[in-house]
Amino acid sequence: MLGDALAQQPVVDPLELVRALLSEAGAGGRRVDPVGHDDGDEVGPRLRAIIAASGEPDEARAAALNLLAAFPASGRPAEQWHAEAERVRSLLARPAVLTGGLLDVALDASDFEEEHPYAGWPIGRQTYTVTRGATAGNESFLCGAVTFAGVVADPALLPHLRRLAVKSVTVIAGPFGYPGYPRSLRLANMSVKAMADIGGPASITELLALERSIRHGTLLRQIRQAIGTVAAARGTTRGELLERAVEDHGLGRDGTRRMPLSRGSAVIEIDGRSALLV
């Protein structure tokens, strides 16, 4: 199916996999599904609920689950993963609806405290907690969902991806009062790349809106690179593409706009150097 990537996943019959997905969690325990996402955070149960309620055929859901679970824990997926993603998209009746639901899971889930064993200072303290947005397994699963959004290439997913990039790069508190860190810089970067993969004028509009709302240097570079990627795909330069993406704010081709007032009207005129209210 996915070569070496999927070779590490348990061999599960598609129908059995979906039955496991829909089954109730074991009594009192933290549930881990065959596909790799778990219930150690809010993300795991919500992912399961979205896929269970999708209405897609069992075989299509199983293929989607295998695809997202095979997303690498670090780095970007191989070409085999992308080829399988194209196949999964063709199996799903409403790929954009399912993908949008998975992205909403990431947007709506609350942070949680993850406990870790502590072997050093302070003496006597056995564990410490770290604030996270998702467990490591679920974070990779969500990165797969974000990358799949770029394959689905539905412009309706762009606002989800922009908001997810903002949430993922937002700084959360560090342990022991140390400086905080982005919730998931990897998920933020993947969201930006997916926006570029969708392409089209709507991508530029959303990428520019994202650029205006971000101060994180690494993500800003990723956004600007994404804008360049979209420009190259459209056979134009970054500057020309940005010029076309500027909102006209209701101005006509002659640079004027007539605004109705309670009595009469006003005309706004822009000549490229100055603006005049007549």
C-alpha atoms as a PDB file:
ATOM      1  CA  MET A   1       0.000   0.000   0.000  1.00  0.00           C
ATOM      2  CA  LEU A   2       2.446   2.641   1.108  1.00  0.00           C
ATOM      3  CA  GLY A   3       5.654   0.640   0.977  1.00  0.00           C
ATOM      4  CA  ASP A   4       7.960   1.004   3.928  1.00  0.00           C
ATOM      5  CA  ALA A   5       5.796   3.695   5.544  1.00  0.00           C
ATOM      6  CA  LEU A   6       2.869   1.383   5.980  1.00  0.00           C
ATOM      7  CA  ALA A   7       4.993  -1.660   6.664  1.00  0.00           C
ATOM      8  CA  GLN A   8       5.449  -0.346  10.189  1.00  0.00           C
ATOM      9  CA  GLN A   9       1.666  -0.186  10.739  1.00  0.00           C
ATOM     10  CA  PRO A  10      -0.225  -3.220  12.102  1.00  0.00           C
ATOM     11  CA  VAL A  11      -1.855  -5.294   9.337  1.00  0.00           C
ATOM     12  CA  VAL A  12      -5.560  -4.709   9.899  1.00  0.00           C
ATOM     13  CA  ASP A  13      -8.449  -5.760   7.692  1.00  0.00           C
ATOM     14  CA  PRO A  14     -10.272  -2.573   6.530  1.00  0.00           C
ATOM     15  CA  LEU A  15     -13.623  -3.624   7.943  1.00  0.00           C
ATOM     16  CA  GLU A  16     -12.047  -4.684  11.235  1.00  0.00           C
ATOM     17  CA  LEU A  17     -10.233  -1.369  11.390  1.00  0.00           C
ATOM     18  CA  VAL A  18     -13.453   0.616  11.015  1.00  0.00           C
ATOM     19  CA  ARG A  19     -15.236  -1.587  13.550  1.00  0.00           C
ATOM     20  CA  ALA A  20     -12.412  -0.869  15.988  1.00  0.00           C
ATOM     21  CA  LEU A  21     -12.747   2.826  15.230  1.00  0.00           C
ATOM     22  CA  LEU A  22     -16.443   2.820  16.035  1.00  0.00           C
ATOM     23  CA  SER A  23     -16.203   0.641  19.152  1.00  0.00           C
ATOM     24  CA  GLU A  24     -16.315   2.033  22.654  1.00  0.00           C
ATOM     25  CA  ALA A  25     -13.087   2.633  24.568  1.00  0.00           C
ATOM     26  CA  GLY A  26     -12.091  -0.025  27.073  1.00  0.00           C
ATOM     27  CA  ALA A  27     -13.137   0.508  30.664  1.00  0.00           C
ATOM     28  CA  GLY A  28     -11.043   3.097  32.431  1.00  0.00           C
ATOM     29  CA  GLY A  29      -8.145   2.948  29.963  1.00  0.00           C
ATOM     30  CA  ARG A  30      -6.578   5.270  27.430  1.00  0.00           C
ATOM     31  CA  ARG A  31      -7.705   4.035  24.051  1.00  0.00           C
ATOM     32  CA  VAL A  32      -5.209   3.485  21.220  1.00  0.00           C
ATOM     33  CA  ASP A  33      -6.736   2.678  17.818  1.00  0.00           C
ATOM     34  CA  PRO A  34      -5.076   0.382  15.273  1.00  0.00           C
ATOM     35  CA  VAL A  35      -4.368   3.451  13.135  1.00  0.00           C
ATOM     36  CA  GLY A  36      -2.237   5.077  15.822  1.00  0.00           C
ATOM     37  CA  HIS A  37      -4.233   7.988  17.224  1.00  0.00           C
ATOM     38  CA  ASP A  38      -5.143   7.856  20.895  1.00  0.00           C
ATOM     39  CA  ASP A  39      -7.353   9.410  23.522  1.00  0.00           C
ATOM     40  CA  GLY A  40      -4.633  11.038  25.634  1.00  0.00           C
ATOM     41  CA  ASP A  41      -6.018  14.422  24.547  1.00  0.00           C
ATOM     42  CA  GLU A  42      -9.244  15.898  23.173  1.00  0.00           C
ATOM     43  CA  VAL A  43      -8.080  15.322  19.609  1.00  0.00           C
ATOM     44  CA  GLY A  44      -8.231  11.495  19.580  1.00  0.00           C
ATOM     45  CA  PRO A  45     -11.926  11.024  20.493  1.00  0.00           C
ATOM     46  CA  ARG A  46     -12.960  13.876  18.219  1.00  0.00           C
ATOM     47  CA  LEU A  47     -11.053  12.446  15.259  1.00  0.00           C
ATOM     48  CA  ARG A  48     -12.835   9.146  15.782  1.00  0.00           C
ATOM     49  CA  ALA A  49     -16.224  10.846  16.021  1.00  0.00           C
ATOM     50  CA  ILE A  50     -15.706  12.857  12.818  1.00  0.00           C
ATOM     51  CA  ILE A  51     -14.662   9.812  10.797  1.00  0.00           C
ATOM     52  CA  ALA A  52     -17.430   7.673  12.296  1.00  0.00           C
ATOM     53  CA  ALA A  53     -20.078  10.260  11.374  1.00  0.00           C
ATOM     54  CA  SER A  54     -18.715  10.977   7.890  1.00  0.00           C
ATOM     55  CA  GLY A  55     -21.128   8.657   6.102  1.00  0.00           C
ATOM     56  CA  GLU A  56     -18.324   7.444   3.842  1.00  0.00           C
ATOM     57  CA  PRO A  57     -18.187   3.712   2.931  1.00  0.00           C
ATOM     58  CA  ASP A  58     -16.184   1.538   5.305  1.00  0.00           C
ATOM     59  CA  GLU A  59     -13.530   0.840   2.670  1.00  0.00           C
ATOM     60  CA  ALA A  60     -13.034   4.559   1.979  1.00  0.00           C
ATOM     61  CA  ARG A  61     -12.814   5.373   5.689  1.00  0.00           C
ATOM     62  CA  ALA A  62     -10.307   2.591   6.231  1.00  0.00           C
ATOM     63  CA  ALA A  63      -8.161   3.832   3.343  1.00  0.00           C
ATOM     64  CA  ALA A  64      -8.260   7.372   4.735  1.00  0.00           C
ATOM     65  CA  LEU A  65      -7.339   6.156   8.222  1.00  0.00           C
ATOM     66  CA  ASN A  66      -4.416   4.116   6.912  1.00  0.00           C
ATOM     67  CA  LEU A  67      -3.202   7.091   4.896  1.00  0.00           C
ATOM     68  CA  LEU A  68      -3.282   9.570   7.773  1.00  0.00           C
ATOM     69  CA  ALA A  69      -1.804   7.082  10.245  1.00  0.00           C
ATOM     70  CA  ALA A  70       1.106   6.469   7.848  1.00  0.00           C
ATOM     71  CA  PHE A  71       2.114  10.134   7.891  1.00  0.00           C
ATOM     72  CA  PRO A  72       5.740  10.269   9.136  1.00  0.00           C
ATOM     73  CA  ALA A  73       6.491  11.357  12.690  1.00  0.00           C
ATOM     74  CA  SER A  74       9.018  13.862  11.352  1.00  0.00           C
ATOM     75  CA  GLY A  75       9.790  15.440   8.008  1.00  0.00           C
ATOM     76  CA  ARG A  76       7.548  15.296   4.968  1.00  0.00           C
ATOM     77  CA  PRO A  77       5.909  12.268   3.354  1.00  0.00           C
ATOM     78  CA  ALA A  78       7.399  10.438   0.377  1.00  0.00           C
ATOM     79  CA  GLU A  79       5.920  10.460  -3.122  1.00  0.00           C
ATOM     80  CA  GLN A  80       4.262   7.105  -2.365  1.00  0.00           C
ATOM     81  CA  TRP A  81       2.206   8.796   0.351  1.00  0.00           C
ATOM     82  CA  HIS A  82       1.049  11.483  -2.072  1.00  0.00           C
ATOM     83  CA  ALA A  83       0.146   8.860  -4.685  1.00  0.00           C
ATOM     84  CA  GLU A  84      -1.958   7.042  -2.097  1.00  0.00           C
ATOM     85  CA  ALA A  85      -3.541  10.367  -1.074  1.00  0.00           C
ATOM     86  CA  GLU A  86      -4.730  10.884  -4.659  1.00  0.00           C
ATOM     87  CA  ARG A  87      -6.270   7.412  -4.602  1.00  0.00           C
ATOM     88  CA  VAL A  88      -7.991   8.024  -1.265  1.00  0.00           C
ATOM     89  CA  ARG A  89      -9.422  11.301  -2.531  1.00  0.00           C
ATOM     90  CA  SER A  90     -11.014   9.425  -5.428  1.00  0.00           C
ATOM     91  CA  LEU A  91     -12.568   6.896  -3.019  1.00  0.00           C
ATOM     92  CA  LEU A  92     -14.251   9.486  -0.792  1.00  0.00           C
ATOM     93  CA  ALA A  93     -17.652  10.787  -1.802  1.00  0.00           C
ATOM     94  CA  ARG A  94     -17.097  14.137  -0.056  1.00  0.00           C
ATOM     95  CA  PRO A  95     -13.369  14.518   0.639  1.00  0.00           C
ATOM     96  CA  ALA A  96     -13.570  18.226   1.449  1.00  0.00           C
ATOM     97  CA  VAL A  97     -16.297  17.684   4.046  1.00  0.00           C
ATOM     98  CA  LEU A  98     -14.350  14.973   5.850  1.00  0.00           C
ATOM     99  CA  THR A  99     -11.101  16.947   5.684  1.00  0.00           C
ATOM    100  CA  GLY A 100     -12.765  20.115   6.937  1.00  0.00           C
ATOM    101  CA  GLY A 101     -14.160  18.181   9.885  1.00  0.00           C
ATOM    102  CA  LEU A 102     -10.703  16.847  10.766  1.00  0.00           C
ATOM    103  CA  LEU A 103      -9.238  20.355  10.603  1.00  0.00           C
ATOM    104  CA  ASP A 104     -12.027  21.627  12.855  1.00  0.00           C
ATOM    105  CA  VAL A 105     -10.979  19.022  15.416  1.00  0.00           C
ATOM    106  CA  ALA A 106      -7.579  20.671  15.649  1.00  0.00           C
ATOM    107  CA  LEU A 107      -9.123  24.134  15.788  1.00  0.00           C
ATOM    108  CA  ASP A 108     -11.618  23.328  18.539  1.00  0.00           C
ATOM    109  CA  ALA A 109      -9.574  21.050  20.813  1.00  0.00           C
ATOM    110  CA  SER A 110      -8.310  22.472  24.105  1.00  0.00           C
ATOM    111  CA  ASP A 111      -4.715  22.156  25.296  1.00  0.00           C
ATOM    112  CA  PHE A 112      -3.889  19.495  27.877  1.00  0.00           C
ATOM    113  CA  GLU A 113      -1.171  18.765  30.411  1.00  0.00           C
ATOM    114  CA  GLU A 114       1.129  15.890  29.458  1.00  0.00           C
ATOM    115  CA  GLU A 115       2.986  14.275  32.369  1.00  0.00           C
ATOM    116  CA  HIS A 116       6.631  13.198  32.089  1.00  0.00           C
ATOM    117  CA  PRO A 117       8.963  11.379  34.532  1.00  0.00           C
ATOM    118  CA  TYR A 118      11.598  13.639  36.072  1.00  0.00           C
ATOM    119  CA  ALA A 119      15.023  12.327  37.065  1.00  0.00           C
ATOM    120  CA  GLY A 120      16.757  15.481  38.285  1.00  0.00           C
ATOM    121  CA  TRP A 121      16.181  18.761  40.123  1.00  0.00           C
ATOM    122  CA  PRO A 122      14.020  19.502  42.074  1.00  0.00           C
ATOM    123  CA  ILE A 123      14.844  16.664  44.459  1.00  0.00           C
ATOM    124  CA  GLY A 124      11.868  14.512  45.358  1.00  0.00           C
ATOM    125  CA  ARG A 125       9.759  15.569  42.410  1.00  0.00           C
ATOM    126  CA  GLN A 126       8.755  12.486  40.409  1.00  0.00           C
ATOM    127  CA  THR A 127       7.040  14.036  37.374  1.00  0.00           C
ATOM    128  CA  TYR A 128       6.569  17.330  35.581  1.00  0.00           C
ATOM    129  CA  THR A 129       3.904  18.490  33.136  1.00  0.00           C
ATOM    130  CA  VAL A 130       4.144  20.034  29.691  1.00  0.00           C
ATOM    131  CA  THR A 131       1.281  21.887  28.003  1.00  0.00           C
ATOM    132  CA  ARG A 132       0.496  20.531  24.548  1.00  0.00           C
ATOM    133  CA  GLY A 133      -2.183  20.867  21.932  1.00  0.00           C
ATOM    134  CA  ALA A 134      -2.111  17.178  20.952  1.00  0.00           C
ATOM    135  CA  THR A 135      -0.199  14.002  21.691  1.00  0.00           C
ATOM    136  CA  ALA A 136       2.724  13.272  19.358  1.00  0.00           C
ATOM    137  CA  GLY A 137       0.756  10.581  17.514  1.00  0.00           C
ATOM    138  CA  ASN A 138      -2.297  12.757  17.033  1.00  0.00           C
ATOM    139  CA  GLU A 139      -0.137  15.695  15.939  1.00  0.00           C
ATOM    140  CA  SER A 140       1.293  13.578  13.108  1.00  0.00           C
ATOM    141  CA  PHE A 141      -2.228  12.407  12.250  1.00  0.00           C
ATOM    142  CA  LEU A 142      -3.331  16.053  11.998  1.00  0.00           C
ATOM    143  CA  CYS A 143      -0.288  16.892   9.864  1.00  0.00           C
ATOM    144  CA  GLY A 144      -1.519  14.155   7.543  1.00  0.00           C
ATOM    145  CA  ALA A 145      -4.996  15.689   7.477  1.00  0.00           C
ATOM    146  CA  VAL A 146      -3.523  19.112   6.675  1.00  0.00           C
ATOM    147  CA  THR A 147      -1.380  17.705   3.866  1.00  0.00           C
ATOM    148  CA  PHE A 148      -4.392  15.794   2.535  1.00  0.00           C
ATOM    149  CA  ALA A 149      -6.261  19.122   2.424  1.00  0.00           C
ATOM    150  CA  GLY A 150      -3.689  20.295  -0.104  1.00  0.00           C
ATOM    151  CA  VAL A 151      -4.408  17.183  -2.183  1.00  0.00           C
ATOM    152  CA  VAL A 152      -8.174  17.728  -1.990  1.00  0.00           C
ATOM    153  CA  ALA A 153      -7.477  21.298  -3.203  1.00  0.00           C
ATOM    154  CA  ASP A 154     -10.872  22.746  -2.267  1.00  0.00           C
ATOM    155  CA  PRO A 155     -10.625  26.544  -1.677  1.00  0.00           C
ATOM    156  CA  ALA A 156     -13.287  26.200   1.046  1.00  0.00           C
ATOM    157  CA  LEU A 157     -10.570  24.608   3.225  1.00  0.00           C
ATOM    158  CA  LEU A 158      -8.302  27.681   3.070  1.00  0.00           C
ATOM    159  CA  PRO A 159      -9.866  29.563   6.031  1.00  0.00           C
ATOM    160  CA  HIS A 160      -9.534  26.401   8.155  1.00  0.00           C
ATOM    161  CA  LEU A 161      -5.860  26.135   7.243  1.00  0.00           C
ATOM    162  CA  ARG A 162      -5.169  29.819   7.912  1.00  0.00           C
ATOM    163  CA  ARG A 163      -6.794  29.679  11.341  1.00  0.00           C
ATOM    164  CA  LEU A 164      -4.979  26.436  12.151  1.00  0.00           C
ATOM    165  CA  ALA A 165      -1.631  28.003  11.227  1.00  0.00           C
ATOM    166  CA  VAL A 166      -2.351  30.910  13.589  1.00  0.00           C
ATOM    167  CA  LYS A 167      -3.408  28.608  16.426  1.00  0.00           C
ATOM    168  CA  SER A 168      -0.461  26.244  15.923  1.00  0.00           C
ATOM    169  CA  VAL A 169       2.175  28.998  16.006  1.00  0.00           C
ATOM    170  CA  THR A 170       0.636  30.662  19.066  1.00  0.00           C
ATOM    171  CA  VAL A 171       2.971  30.430  22.065  1.00  0.00           C
ATOM    172  CA  ILE A 172       1.832  28.353  25.049  1.00  0.00           C
ATOM    173  CA  ALA A 173       3.378  28.236  28.523  1.00  0.00           C
ATOM    174  CA  GLY A 174       6.622  26.326  29.088  1.00  0.00           C
ATOM    175  CA  PRO A 175       7.293  24.062  32.109  1.00  0.00           C
ATOM    176  CA  PHE A 176       8.686  25.463  35.396  1.00  0.00           C
ATOM    177  CA  GLY A 177       7.934  29.014  34.260  1.00  0.00           C
ATOM    178  CA  TYR A 178      10.394  28.770  31.351  1.00  0.00           C
ATOM    179  CA  PRO A 179       9.663  30.744  28.157  1.00  0.00           C
ATOM    180  CA  GLY A 180       6.828  29.327  26.127  1.00  0.00           C
ATOM    181  CA  TYR A 181       6.959  27.737  22.684  1.00  0.00           C
ATOM    182  CA  PRO A 182       4.634  27.477  19.664  1.00  0.00           C
ATOM    183  CA  ARG A 183       1.851  24.950  20.068  1.00  0.00           C
ATOM    184  CA  SER A 184       3.075  23.075  16.948  1.00  0.00           C
ATOM    185  CA  LEU A 185       5.375  24.814  14.487  1.00  0.00           C
ATOM    186  CA  ARG A 186       5.329  21.694  12.327  1.00  0.00           C
ATOM    187  CA  LEU A 187       1.537  21.803  11.998  1.00  0.00           C
ATOM    188  CA  ALA A 188       1.700  25.536  11.237  1.00  0.00           C
ATOM    189  CA  ASN A 189       4.260  25.010   8.471  1.00  0.00           C
ATOM    190  CA  MET A 190       2.259  22.111   7.020  1.00  0.00           C
ATOM    191  CA  SER A 191      -0.865  24.295   6.990  1.00  0.00           C
ATOM    192  CA  VAL A 192       0.928  26.993   4.987  1.00  0.00           C
ATOM    193  CA  LYS A 193       2.257  24.462   2.489  1.00  0.00           C
ATOM    194  CA  ALA A 194      -1.243  23.021   2.038  1.00  0.00           C
ATOM    195  CA  MET A 195      -2.560  26.522   1.321  1.00  0.00           C
ATOM    196  CA  ALA A 196       0.039  26.855  -1.446  1.00  0.00           C
ATOM    197  CA  ASP A 197      -0.840  23.391  -2.776  1.00  0.00           C
ATOM    198  CA  ILE A 198      -4.495  24.419  -3.130  1.00  0.00           C
ATOM    199  CA  GLY A 199      -3.368  27.383  -5.236  1.00  0.00           C
ATOM    200  CA  GLY A 200      -5.489  29.942  -7.042  1.00  0.00           C
ATOM    201  CA  PRO A 201      -6.421  33.534  -6.165  1.00  0.00           C
ATOM    202  CA  ALA A 202      -8.121  32.496  -2.930  1.00  0.00           C
ATOM    203  CA  SER A 203      -4.830  31.011  -1.703  1.00  0.00           C
ATOM    204  CA  ILE A 204      -3.055  34.330  -2.212  1.00  0.00           C
ATOM    205  CA  THR A 205      -5.792  36.209  -0.340  1.00  0.00           C
ATOM    206  CA  GLU A 206      -5.594  33.825   2.618  1.00  0.00           C
ATOM    207  CA  LEU A 207      -1.774  33.717   2.628  1.00  0.00           C
ATOM    208  CA  LEU A 208      -1.610  37.515   2.671  1.00  0.00           C
ATOM    209  CA  ALA A 209      -4.119  37.636   5.532  1.00  0.00           C
ATOM    210  CA  LEU A 210      -2.003  35.072   7.390  1.00  0.00           C
ATOM    211  CA  GLU A 211       1.192  37.042   6.730  1.00  0.00           C
ATOM    212  CA  ARG A 212      -0.360  40.154   8.271  1.00  0.00           C
ATOM    213  CA  SER A 213      -1.331  38.254  11.439  1.00  0.00           C
ATOM    214  CA  ILE A 214       1.971  36.424  12.091  1.00  0.00           C
ATOM    215  CA  ARG A 215       5.182  37.633  13.751  1.00  0.00           C
ATOM    216  CA  HIS A 216       7.019  34.308  13.969  1.00  0.00           C
ATOM    217  CA  GLY A 217      10.087  34.570  11.714  1.00  0.00           C
ATOM    218  CA  THR A 218      10.251  30.935  10.593  1.00  0.00           C
ATOM    219  CA  LEU A 219       6.575  30.801   9.676  1.00  0.00           C
ATOM    220  CA  LEU A 220       6.765  34.165   7.902  1.00  0.00           C
ATOM    221  CA  ARG A 221       9.526  32.789   5.687  1.00  0.00           C
ATOM    222  CA  GLN A 222       7.361  29.751   4.962  1.00  0.00           C
ATOM    223  CA  ILE A 223       4.410  32.004   4.053  1.00  0.00           C
ATOM    224  CA  ARG A 224       6.503  34.119   1.686  1.00  0.00           C
ATOM    225  CA  GLN A 225       7.933  31.003   0.094  1.00  0.00           C
ATOM    226  CA  ALA A 226       4.372  29.697  -0.355  1.00  0.00           C
ATOM    227  CA  ILE A 227       3.339  32.928  -2.082  1.00  0.00           C
ATOM    228  CA  GLY A 228       6.313  32.523  -4.422  1.00  0.00           C
ATOM    229  CA  THR A 229       5.282  28.919  -5.124  1.00  0.00           C
ATOM    230  CA  VAL A 230       1.753  29.973  -6.078  1.00  0.00           C
ATOM    231  CA  ALA A 231       3.155  32.753  -8.288  1.00  0.00           C
ATOM    232  CA  ALA A 232       5.461  30.329 -10.116  1.00  0.00           C
ATOM    233  CA  ALA A 233       2.574  27.878 -10.648  1.00  0.00           C
ATOM    234  CA  ARG A 234       0.583  30.707 -12.285  1.00  0.00           C
ATOM    235  CA  GLY A 235       3.493  31.744 -14.496  1.00  0.00           C
ATOM    236  CA  THR A 236       3.989  35.153 -12.916  1.00  0.00           C
ATOM    237  CA  THR A 237       6.288  36.882 -10.456  1.00  0.00           C
ATOM    238  CA  ARG A 238       5.585  37.293  -6.767  1.00  0.00           C
ATOM    239  CA  GLY A 239       5.253  41.067  -7.180  1.00  0.00           C
ATOM    240  CA  GLU A 240       2.791  40.783 -10.065  1.00  0.00           C
ATOM    241  CA  LEU A 241       0.729  38.246  -8.171  1.00  0.00           C
ATOM    242  CA  LEU A 242       0.595  40.435  -5.074  1.00  0.00           C
ATOM    243  CA  GLU A 243      -0.452  43.408  -7.226  1.00  0.00           C
ATOM    244  CA  ARG A 244      -3.371  41.441  -8.623  1.00  0.00           C
ATOM    245  CA  ALA A 245      -4.325  40.246  -5.151  1.00  0.00           C
ATOM    246  CA  VAL A 246      -4.730  43.779  -3.747  1.00  0.00           C
ATOM    247  CA  GLU A 247      -8.351  44.419  -2.803  1.00  0.00           C
ATOM    248  CA  ASP A 248     -10.060  47.069  -4.951  1.00  0.00           C
ATOM    249  CA  HIS A 249     -12.288  48.265  -2.050  1.00  0.00           C
ATOM    250  CA  GLY A 250     -15.055  48.988  -4.531  1.00  0.00           C
ATOM    251  CA  LEU A 251     -12.974  51.266  -6.755  1.00  0.00           C
ATOM    252  CA  GLY A 252     -13.737  51.308 -10.472  1.00  0.00           C
ATOM    253  CA  ARG A 253     -11.144  50.920 -13.224  1.00  0.00           C
ATOM    254  CA  ASP A 254     -10.704  54.700 -13.248  1.00  0.00           C
ATOM    255  CA  GLY A 255      -9.773  54.695  -9.545  1.00  0.00           C
ATOM    256  CA  THR A 256     -13.013  56.254  -8.327  1.00  0.00           C
ATOM    257  CA  ARG A 257     -15.838  55.145  -6.072  1.00  0.00           C
ATOM    258  CA  ARG A 258     -19.133  56.917  -5.460  1.00  0.00           C
ATOM    259  CA  MET A 259     -20.493  56.670  -1.906  1.00  0.00           C
ATOM    260  CA  PRO A 260     -24.151  57.517  -1.194  1.00  0.00           C
ATOM    261  CA  LEU A 261     -24.748  59.907   1.717  1.00  0.00           C
ATOM    262  CA  SER A 262     -27.918  60.891   3.530  1.00  0.00           C
ATOM    263  CA  ARG A 263     -28.038  63.880   1.178  1.00  0.00           C
ATOM    264  CA  GLY A 264     -26.269  63.538  -2.148  1.00  0.00           C
ATOM    265  CA  SER A 265     -23.117  61.462  -2.595  1.00  0.00           C
ATOM    266  CA  ALA A 266     -19.344  61.612  -2.263  1.00  0.00           C
ATOM    267  CA  VAL A 267     -16.729  60.510  -4.773  1.00  0.00           C
ATOM    268  CA  ILE A 268     -13.405  58.979  -3.710  1.00  0.00           C
ATOM    269  CA  GLU A 269     -10.695  59.347  -6.340  1.00  0.00           C
ATOM    270  CA  ILE A 270      -7.259  57.687  -6.209  1.00  0.00           C
ATOM    271  CA  ASP A 271      -4.634  58.469  -8.827  1.00  0.00           C
ATOM    272  CA  GLY A 272      -1.757  56.304  -7.520  1.00  0.00           C
ATOM    273  CA  ARG A 273      -0.110  59.123  -5.585  1.00  0.00           C
ATOM    274  CA  SER A 274      -2.905  60.574  -3.499  1.00  0.00           C
ATOM    275  CA  ALA A 275      -6.537  60.141  -2.573  1.00  0.00           C
ATOM    276  CA  LEU A 276      -9.161  62.863  -3.002  1.00  0.00           C
ATOM    277  CA  LEU A 277     -12.637  63.109  -1.493  1.00  0.00           C
ATOM    278  CA  VAL A 278     -14.888  65.148  -3.812  1.00  0.00           C
END
